[in-house]
């Protein structure tokens, strides 16, 4: 039986209940494939930001530091 000190971080994570399948799948990708995936996610974020501004550009918020103010994001 392995002691806690002899277990890898991955083994401890799995035993703790962490699903490492996404990590494993991403590590199977080439560097180029991972960068392409990241670029796609960044494009999605930019589209979401644009949608947020379109949706809330007419929102009047008296506190410009409000987390709901579109000008602070």
Protein backbone atom coordinates (compact mmCIF):
# COMPACT_ATOMS: atom_id res chain seq x y z
CA UNK A 1 0.00 0.00 0.00
CA UNK A 2 1.38 3.38 -1.01
CA UNK A 3 1.80 6.06 1.58
CA UNK A 4 0.46 9.54 0.89
CA UNK A 5 4.03 10.82 0.34
CA UNK A 6 4.68 8.24 -2.41
CA UNK A 7 1.59 9.12 -4.43
CA UNK A 8 1.87 11.49 -7.37
CA UNK A 9 -0.09 14.72 -7.41
CA UNK A 10 -2.23 13.22 -10.17
CA UNK A 11 -3.04 10.16 -8.08
CA UNK A 12 -3.97 12.34 -5.11
CA UNK A 13 -6.14 14.58 -7.33
CA UNK A 14 -8.02 11.56 -8.73
CA UNK A 15 -8.56 10.13 -5.25
CA UNK A 16 -9.80 13.53 -4.09
CA UNK A 17 -12.42 13.39 -6.85
CA UNK A 18 -10.98 15.70 -9.47
CA UNK A 19 -11.76 14.72 -13.06
CA UNK A 20 -8.47 15.11 -14.90
CA UNK A 21 -9.79 13.92 -18.26
CA UNK A 22 -9.82 17.45 -19.76
CA UNK A 23 -6.20 17.91 -18.78
CA UNK A 24 -5.26 14.55 -20.25
CA UNK A 25 -7.14 15.32 -23.48
CA UNK A 26 -5.47 18.72 -23.84
CA UNK A 27 -2.04 17.19 -23.27
CA UNK A 28 -2.68 14.82 -26.17
CA UNK A 29 -2.97 17.82 -28.50
CA UNK A 30 0.03 19.33 -30.22
CA UNK A 31 1.19 22.80 -29.22
CA UNK A 32 -0.33 24.18 -32.43
CA UNK A 33 -3.66 22.49 -31.72
CA UNK A 34 -3.73 23.89 -28.18
CA UNK A 35 -2.96 27.39 -29.46
CA UNK A 36 -5.71 27.11 -32.07
CA UNK A 37 -8.13 26.01 -29.34
CA UNK A 38 -7.06 28.96 -27.17
CA UNK A 39 -7.50 31.36 -30.10
CA UNK A 40 -11.02 30.06 -30.62
CA UNK A 41 -11.84 30.61 -26.96
CA UNK A 42 -10.42 34.15 -27.08
CA UNK A 43 -12.57 34.91 -30.13
CA UNK A 44 -15.61 33.66 -28.19
CA UNK A 45 -14.72 35.94 -25.27
CA UNK A 46 -14.45 38.93 -27.61
CA UNK A 47 -17.85 38.14 -29.14
CA UNK A 48 -19.36 37.86 -25.67
CA UNK A 49 -17.91 41.25 -24.72
CA UNK A 50 -19.40 42.80 -27.86
CA UNK A 51 -22.78 41.22 -27.10
CA UNK A 52 -22.61 42.57 -23.54
CA UNK A 53 -21.93 46.10 -24.78
CA UNK A 54 -24.73 45.86 -27.38
CA UNK A 55 -27.13 44.63 -24.71
CA UNK A 56 -26.25 47.12 -21.98
CA UNK A 57 -24.97 50.22 -23.82
CA UNK A 58 -28.14 52.13 -22.96
CA UNK A 59 -28.18 51.03 -19.34
CA UNK A 60 -28.03 54.04 -17.05
CA UNK A 61 -26.08 53.36 -13.89
CA UNK A 62 -25.46 56.19 -11.47
CA UNK A 63 -22.43 54.52 -9.92
CA UNK A 64 -19.80 54.24 -12.67
CA UNK A 65 -17.80 51.87 -10.48
CA UNK A 66 -20.68 49.43 -10.32
CA UNK A 67 -19.94 45.89 -11.41
CA UNK A 68 -23.00 46.22 -13.65
CA UNK A 69 -21.73 49.26 -15.51
CA UNK A 70 -20.73 48.34 -19.08
CA UNK A 71 -18.11 51.08 -19.08
CA UNK A 72 -16.06 49.39 -16.36
CA UNK A 73 -15.68 46.05 -18.18
